[in-house]
Amino acid sequence: MQRSTSTNPLDYEILIRRYDMGNRYASYCPQLGEMIKGTSHQEVEEAMKQRILQHIEELKRTAANPSSSEA
């Protein structure tokens, strides 16, 4: 699967699932192919939002310096 190259945070989905008798949570972003686990709904949601923003910043840095991504 190819990661999204969109710089719009609204283009990214966050799916959250409760498991382990309701004591654990996991957030998943299909556009990144990443999962984050934690102990509360809010914890995993916020962590994934931050990961999405980090991904977008990485895309912007790469676009600003295309020669640095070629090695």
PDB file of N, CA and C in Angstrom:
ATOM      1  N   MET A   1       0.829  -1.181   0.000  1.00  0.00           N
ATOM      2  CA  MET A   1       0.000   0.000   0.000  1.00  0.00           C
ATOM      3  C   MET A   1       0.878   1.251   0.000  1.00  0.00           C
ATOM      4  N   GLN A   2       0.487   2.217  -0.778  1.00  0.00           N
ATOM      5  CA  GLN A   2       1.226   3.468  -0.861  1.00  0.00           C
ATOM      6  C   GLN A   2       0.645   4.476   0.129  1.00  0.00           C
ATOM      7  N   ARG A   3       1.521   5.168   0.828  1.00  0.00           N
ATOM      8  CA  ARG A   3       1.098   6.182   1.786  1.00  0.00           C
ATOM      9  C   ARG A   3       0.563   7.399   1.042  1.00  0.00           C
ATOM     10  N   SER A   4      -0.392   8.072   1.658  1.00  0.00           N
ATOM     11  CA  SER A   4      -0.972   9.268   1.071  1.00  0.00           C
ATOM     12  C   SER A   4       0.074  10.373   0.957  1.00  0.00           C
ATOM     13  N   THR A   5      -0.050  11.165  -0.089  1.00  0.00           N
ATOM     14  CA  THR A   5       0.834  12.314  -0.264  1.00  0.00           C
ATOM     15  C   THR A   5       0.060  13.622  -0.100  1.00  0.00           C
ATOM     16  N   SER A   6      -1.149  13.543   0.432  1.00  0.00           N
ATOM     17  CA  SER A   6      -1.960  14.730   0.650  1.00  0.00           C
ATOM     18  C   SER A   6      -1.431  15.524   1.836  1.00  0.00           C
ATOM     19  N   THR A   7      -1.471  16.840   1.707  1.00  0.00           N
ATOM     20  CA  THR A   7      -1.079  17.707   2.817  1.00  0.00           C
ATOM     21  C   THR A   7      -2.303  18.279   3.527  1.00  0.00           C
ATOM     22  N   ASN A   8      -3.475  17.769   3.215  1.00  0.00           N
ATOM     23  CA  ASN A   8      -4.714  18.182   3.874  1.00  0.00           C
ATOM     24  C   ASN A   8      -5.048  17.180   4.969  1.00  0.00           C
ATOM     25  N   PRO A   9      -5.015  17.591   6.239  1.00  0.00           N
ATOM     26  CA  PRO A   9      -5.310  16.653   7.335  1.00  0.00           C
ATOM     27  C   PRO A   9      -6.698  16.022   7.238  1.00  0.00           C
ATOM     28  N   LEU A  10      -7.623  16.687   6.559  1.00  0.00           N
ATOM     29  CA  LEU A  10      -8.987  16.151   6.433  1.00  0.00           C
ATOM     30  C   LEU A  10      -9.060  14.957   5.473  1.00  0.00           C
ATOM     31  N   ASP A  11      -7.996  14.709   4.727  1.00  0.00           N
ATOM     32  CA  ASP A  11      -7.954  13.559   3.818  1.00  0.00           C
ATOM     33  C   ASP A  11      -7.544  12.266   4.519  1.00  0.00           C
ATOM     34  N   TYR A  12      -7.263  12.345   5.811  1.00  0.00           N
ATOM     35  CA  TYR A  12      -6.804  11.184   6.581  1.00  0.00           C
ATOM     36  C   TYR A  12      -7.900  10.723   7.542  1.00  0.00           C
ATOM     37  N   GLU A  13      -8.147   9.421   7.552  1.00  0.00           N
ATOM     38  CA  GLU A  13      -9.139   8.844   8.460  1.00  0.00           C
ATOM     39  C   GLU A  13      -8.450   8.314   9.712  1.00  0.00           C
ATOM     40  N   ILE A  14      -9.171   8.387  10.820  1.00  0.00           N
ATOM     41  CA  ILE A  14      -8.704   7.768  12.055  1.00  0.00           C
ATOM     42  C   ILE A  14      -9.785   6.808  12.513  1.00  0.00           C
ATOM     43  N   LEU A  15      -9.443   5.534  12.535  1.00  0.00           N
ATOM     44  CA  LEU A  15     -10.365   4.501  12.980  1.00  0.00           C
ATOM     45  C   LEU A  15      -9.917   4.036  14.356  1.00  0.00           C
ATOM     46  N   ILE A  16     -10.857   3.963  15.304  1.00  0.00           N
ATOM     47  CA  ILE A  16     -10.507   3.583  16.665  1.00  0.00           C
ATOM     48  C   ILE A  16     -11.295   2.353  17.072  1.00  0.00           C
ATOM     49  N   ARG A  17     -10.589   1.417  17.677  1.00  0.00           N
ATOM     50  CA  ARG A  17     -11.202   0.163  18.101  1.00  0.00           C
ATOM     51  C   ARG A  17     -10.853  -0.112  19.562  1.00  0.00           C
ATOM     52  N   ARG A  18     -11.840  -0.546  20.308  1.00  0.00           N
ATOM     53  CA  ARG A  18     -11.630  -0.948  21.698  1.00  0.00           C
ATOM     54  C   ARG A  18     -11.468  -2.462  21.722  1.00  0.00           C
ATOM     55  N   TYR A  19     -10.535  -2.966  22.514  1.00  0.00           N
ATOM     56  CA  TYR A  19     -10.317  -4.412  22.605  1.00  0.00           C
ATOM     57  C   TYR A  19      -9.841  -4.777  23.998  1.00  0.00           C
ATOM     58  N   ASP A  20      -9.570  -6.015  24.231  1.00  0.00           N
ATOM     59  CA  ASP A  20      -9.089  -6.525  25.518  1.00  0.00           C
ATOM     60  C   ASP A  20     -10.069  -6.184  26.638  1.00  0.00           C
ATOM     61  N   MET A  21     -11.335  -6.582  26.438  1.00  0.00           N
ATOM     62  CA  MET A  21     -12.390  -6.358  27.434  1.00  0.00           C
ATOM     63  C   MET A  21     -12.589  -4.870  27.724  1.00  0.00           C
ATOM     64  N   GLY A  22     -12.298  -4.027  26.755  1.00  0.00           N
ATOM     65  CA  GLY A  22     -12.511  -2.592  26.904  1.00  0.00           C
ATOM     66  C   GLY A  22     -11.405  -1.851  27.617  1.00  0.00           C
ATOM     67  N   ASN A  23     -10.295  -2.518  27.923  1.00  0.00           N
ATOM     68  CA  ASN A  23      -9.205  -1.883  28.655  1.00  0.00           C
ATOM     69  C   ASN A  23      -8.129  -1.292  27.758  1.00  0.00           C
ATOM     70  N   ARG A  24      -8.193  -1.556  26.471  1.00  0.00           N
ATOM     71  CA  ARG A  24      -7.166  -1.070  25.541  1.00  0.00           C
ATOM     72  C   ARG A  24      -7.850  -0.515  24.292  1.00  0.00           C
ATOM     73  N   TYR A  25      -7.162   0.396  23.630  1.00  0.00           N
ATOM     74  CA  TYR A  25      -7.672   1.010  22.406  1.00  0.00           C
ATOM     75  C   TYR A  25      -6.571   1.016  21.355  1.00  0.00           C
ATOM     76  N   ALA A  26      -6.987   1.032  20.105  1.00  0.00           N
ATOM     77  CA  ALA A  26      -6.042   1.135  19.000  1.00  0.00           C
ATOM     78  C   ALA A  26      -6.628   2.092  17.964  1.00  0.00           C
ATOM     79  N   SER A  27      -5.798   2.986  17.452  1.00  0.00           N
ATOM     80  CA  SER A  27      -6.206   3.859  16.355  1.00  0.00           C
ATOM     81  C   SER A  27      -5.424   3.424  15.119  1.00  0.00           C
ATOM     82  N   TYR A  28      -6.094   3.502  13.977  1.00  0.00           N
ATOM     83  CA  TYR A  28      -5.489   3.084  12.718  1.00  0.00           C
ATOM     84  C   TYR A  28      -5.791   4.139  11.670  1.00  0.00           C
ATOM     85  N   CYS A  29      -4.798   4.473  10.882  1.00  0.00           N
ATOM     86  CA  CYS A  29      -4.973   5.396   9.770  1.00  0.00           C
ATOM     87  C   CYS A  29      -4.675   4.632   8.479  1.00  0.00           C
ATOM     88  N   PRO A  30      -5.712   4.333   7.689  1.00  0.00           N
ATOM     89  CA  PRO A  30      -5.490   3.577   6.446  1.00  0.00           C
ATOM     90  C   PRO A  30      -4.566   4.289   5.455  1.00  0.00           C
ATOM     91  N   GLN A  31      -4.600   5.609   5.431  1.00  0.00           N
ATOM     92  CA  GLN A  31      -3.773   6.355   4.480  1.00  0.00           C
ATOM     93  C   GLN A  31      -2.288   6.283   4.828  1.00  0.00           C
ATOM     94  N   LEU A  32      -1.985   6.014   6.097  1.00  0.00           N
ATOM     95  CA  LEU A  32      -0.591   5.854   6.507  1.00  0.00           C
ATOM     96  C   LEU A  32      -0.206   4.399   6.694  1.00  0.00           C
ATOM     97  N   GLY A  33      -1.196   3.545   6.906  1.00  0.00           N
ATOM     98  CA  GLY A  33      -0.919   2.140   7.188  1.00  0.00           C
ATOM     99  C   GLY A  33      -0.283   1.956   8.555  1.00  0.00           C
ATOM    100  N   GLU A  34      -0.660   2.818   9.510  1.00  0.00           N
ATOM    101  CA  GLU A  34      -0.059   2.771  10.847  1.00  0.00           C
ATOM    102  C   GLU A  34      -1.125   2.594  11.923  1.00  0.00           C
ATOM    103  N   MET A  35      -0.725   1.913  13.004  1.00  0.00           N
ATOM    104  CA  MET A  35      -1.594   1.707  14.150  1.00  0.00           C
ATOM    105  C   MET A  35      -0.867   2.178  15.403  1.00  0.00           C
ATOM    106  N   ILE A  36      -1.636   2.781  16.314  1.00  0.00           N
ATOM    107  CA  ILE A  36      -1.111   3.221  17.604  1.00  0.00           C
ATOM    108  C   ILE A  36      -2.009   2.632  18.681  1.00  0.00           C
ATOM    109  N   LYS A  37      -1.404   2.008  19.693  1.00  0.00           N
ATOM    110  CA  LYS A  37      -2.166   1.407  20.787  1.00  0.00           C
ATOM    111  C   LYS A  37      -2.012   2.227  22.052  1.00  0.00           C
ATOM    112  N   GLY A  38      -3.037   2.164  22.911  1.00  0.00           N
ATOM    113  CA  GLY A  38      -2.986   2.885  24.173  1.00  0.00           C
ATOM    114  C   GLY A  38      -4.086   2.436  25.110  1.00  0.00           C
ATOM    115  N   THR A  39      -4.273   3.182  26.184  1.00  0.00           N
ATOM    116  CA  THR A  39      -5.230   2.777  27.214  1.00  0.00           C
ATOM    117  C   THR A  39      -6.493   3.615  27.241  1.00  0.00           C
ATOM    118  N   SER A  40      -6.588   4.638  26.386  1.00  0.00           N
ATOM    119  CA  SER A  40      -7.824   5.415  26.333  1.00  0.00           C
ATOM    120  C   SER A  40      -8.111   5.849  24.900  1.00  0.00           C
ATOM    121  N   HIS A  41      -9.377   6.070  24.641  1.00  0.00           N
ATOM    122  CA  HIS A  41      -9.825   6.516  23.321  1.00  0.00           C
ATOM    123  C   HIS A  41      -9.141   7.827  22.952  1.00  0.00           C
ATOM    124  N   GLN A  42      -9.157   8.778  23.868  1.00  0.00           N
ATOM    125  CA  GLN A  42      -8.570  10.091  23.610  1.00  0.00           C
ATOM    126  C   GLN A  42      -7.063   9.991  23.369  1.00  0.00           C
ATOM    127  N   GLU A  43      -6.386   9.153  24.116  1.00  0.00           N
ATOM    128  CA  GLU A  43      -4.932   8.988  23.967  1.00  0.00           C
ATOM    129  C   GLU A  43      -4.564   8.542  22.556  1.00  0.00           C
ATOM    130  N   VAL A  44      -5.238   7.500  22.056  1.00  0.00           N
ATOM    131  CA  VAL A  44      -4.880   6.977  20.733  1.00  0.00           C
ATOM    132  C   VAL A  44      -5.339   7.905  19.613  1.00  0.00           C
ATOM    133  N   GLU A  45      -6.455   8.596  19.821  1.00  0.00           N
ATOM    134  CA  GLU A  45      -6.930   9.546  18.817  1.00  0.00           C
ATOM    135  C   GLU A  45      -5.951  10.713  18.682  1.00  0.00           C
ATOM    136  N   GLU A  46      -5.546  11.294  19.801  1.00  0.00           N
ATOM    137  CA  GLU A  46      -4.604  12.420  19.777  1.00  0.00           C
ATOM    138  C   GLU A  46      -3.243  11.999  19.229  1.00  0.00           C
ATOM    139  N   ALA A  47      -2.787  10.814  19.598  1.00  0.00           N
ATOM    140  CA  ALA A  47      -1.494  10.325  19.095  1.00  0.00           C
ATOM    141  C   ALA A  47      -1.530  10.163  17.577  1.00  0.00           C
ATOM    142  N   MET A  48      -2.640   9.660  17.041  1.00  0.00           N
ATOM    143  CA  MET A  48      -2.740   9.488  15.593  1.00  0.00           C
ATOM    144  C   MET A  48      -2.855  10.837  14.888  1.00  0.00           C
ATOM    145  N   LYS A  49      -3.576  11.785  15.479  1.00  0.00           N
ATOM    146  CA  LYS A  49      -3.642  13.128  14.885  1.00  0.00           C
ATOM    147  C   LYS A  49      -2.246  13.729  14.791  1.00  0.00           C
ATOM    148  N   GLN A  50      -1.463  13.568  15.835  1.00  0.00           N
ATOM    149  CA  GLN A  50      -0.099  14.088  15.828  1.00  0.00           C
ATOM    150  C   GLN A  50       0.758  13.378  14.784  1.00  0.00           C
ATOM    151  N   ARG A  51       0.556  12.070  14.630  1.00  0.00           N
ATOM    152  CA  ARG A  51       1.331  11.311  13.626  1.00  0.00           C
ATOM    153  C   ARG A  51       0.976  11.772  12.221  1.00  0.00           C
ATOM    154  N   ILE A  52      -0.304  12.051  11.975  1.00  0.00           N
ATOM    155  CA  ILE A  52      -0.738  12.544  10.667  1.00  0.00           C
ATOM    156  C   ILE A  52      -0.100  13.896  10.385  1.00  0.00           C
ATOM    157  N   LEU A  53      -0.121  14.798  11.367  1.00  0.00           N
ATOM    158  CA  LEU A  53       0.491  16.117  11.192  1.00  0.00           C
ATOM    159  C   LEU A  53       1.994  16.002  10.964  1.00  0.00           C
ATOM    160  N   GLN A  54       2.634  15.067  11.651  1.00  0.00           N
ATOM    161  CA  GLN A  54       4.067  14.834  11.452  1.00  0.00           C
ATOM    162  C   GLN A  54       4.332  14.360  10.019  1.00  0.00           C
ATOM    163  N   HIS A  55       3.503  13.442   9.523  1.00  0.00           N
ATOM    164  CA  HIS A  55       3.636  12.943   8.155  1.00  0.00           C
ATOM    165  C   HIS A  55       3.495  14.093   7.148  1.00  0.00           C
ATOM    166  N   ILE A  56       2.517  14.963   7.376  1.00  0.00           N
ATOM    167  CA  ILE A  56       2.292  16.099   6.480  1.00  0.00           C
ATOM    168  C   ILE A  56       3.495  17.043   6.498  1.00  0.00           C
ATOM    169  N   GLU A  57       4.054  17.292   7.666  1.00  0.00           N
ATOM    170  CA  GLU A  57       5.247  18.146   7.747  1.00  0.00           C
ATOM    171  C   GLU A  57       6.424  17.525   7.001  1.00  0.00           C
ATOM    172  N   GLU A  58       6.566  16.201   7.100  1.00  0.00           N
ATOM    173  CA  GLU A  58       7.628  15.507   6.359  1.00  0.00           C
ATOM    174  C   GLU A  58       7.429  15.675   4.854  1.00  0.00           C
ATOM    175  N   LEU A  59       6.171  15.586   4.400  1.00  0.00           N
ATOM    176  CA  LEU A  59       5.877  15.781   2.975  1.00  0.00           C
ATOM    177  C   LEU A  59       6.243  17.194   2.540  1.00  0.00           C
ATOM    178  N   LYS A  60       5.901  18.173   3.356  1.00  0.00           N
ATOM    179  CA  LYS A  60       6.201  19.567   3.016  1.00  0.00           C
ATOM    180  C   LYS A  60       7.701  19.821   2.978  1.00  0.00           C
ATOM    181  N   ARG A  61       8.450  19.246   3.919  1.00  0.00           N
ATOM    182  CA  ARG A  61       9.908  19.404   3.924  1.00  0.00           C
ATOM    183  C   ARG A  61      10.525  18.782   2.670  1.00  0.00           C
ATOM    184  N   THR A  62      10.031  17.612   2.300  1.00  0.00           N
ATOM    185  CA  THR A  62      10.538  16.932   1.115  1.00  0.00           C
ATOM    186  C   THR A  62      10.240  17.735  -0.143  1.00  0.00           C
ATOM    187  N   ALA A  63       9.047  18.336  -0.195  1.00  0.00           N
ATOM    188  CA  ALA A  63       8.670  19.156  -1.357  1.00  0.00           C
ATOM    189  C   ALA A  63       9.527  20.413  -1.432  1.00  0.00           C
ATOM    190  N   ALA A  64       9.881  20.962  -0.267  1.00  0.00           N
ATOM    191  CA  ALA A  64      10.690  22.177  -0.237  1.00  0.00           C
ATOM    192  C   ALA A  64      12.152  21.897  -0.591  1.00  0.00           C
ATOM    193  N   ASN A  65      12.623  20.676  -0.300  1.00  0.00           N
ATOM    194  CA  ASN A  65      14.016  20.287  -0.568  1.00  0.00           C
ATOM    195  C   ASN A  65      14.050  18.960  -1.316  1.00  0.00           C
ATOM    196  N   PRO A  66      13.614  18.937  -2.565  1.00  0.00           N
ATOM    197  CA  PRO A  66      13.547  17.649  -3.285  1.00  0.00           C
ATOM    198  C   PRO A  66      14.889  16.962  -3.455  1.00  0.00           C
ATOM    199  N   SER A  67      15.984  17.702  -3.518  1.00  0.00           N
ATOM    200  CA  SER A  67      17.286  17.070  -3.702  1.00  0.00           C
ATOM    201  C   SER A  67      17.734  16.307  -2.463  1.00  0.00           C
ATOM    202  N   SER A  68      17.252  16.698  -1.282  1.00  0.00           N
ATOM    203  CA  SER A  68      17.663  15.993  -0.060  1.00  0.00           C
ATOM    204  C   SER A  68      17.018  14.634   0.061  1.00  0.00           C
ATOM    205  N   SER A  69      15.902  14.383  -0.664  1.00  0.00           N
ATOM    206  CA  SER A  69      15.259  13.075  -0.600  1.00  0.00           C
ATOM    207  C   SER A  69      15.859  12.084  -1.592  1.00  0.00           C
ATOM    208  N   GLU A  70      16.686  12.577  -2.501  1.00  0.00           N
ATOM    209  CA  GLU A  70      17.332  11.712  -3.478  1.00  0.00           C
ATOM    210  C   GLU A  70      18.717  11.344  -2.974  1.00  0.00           C
ATOM    211  N   ALA A  71      18.920  10.078  -2.734  1.00  0.00           N
ATOM    212  CA  ALA A  71      20.257   9.659  -2.260  1.00  0.00           C
ATOM    213  C   ALA A  71      20.678   8.389  -2.930  1.00  0.00           C
TER     214      ALA A  71
END
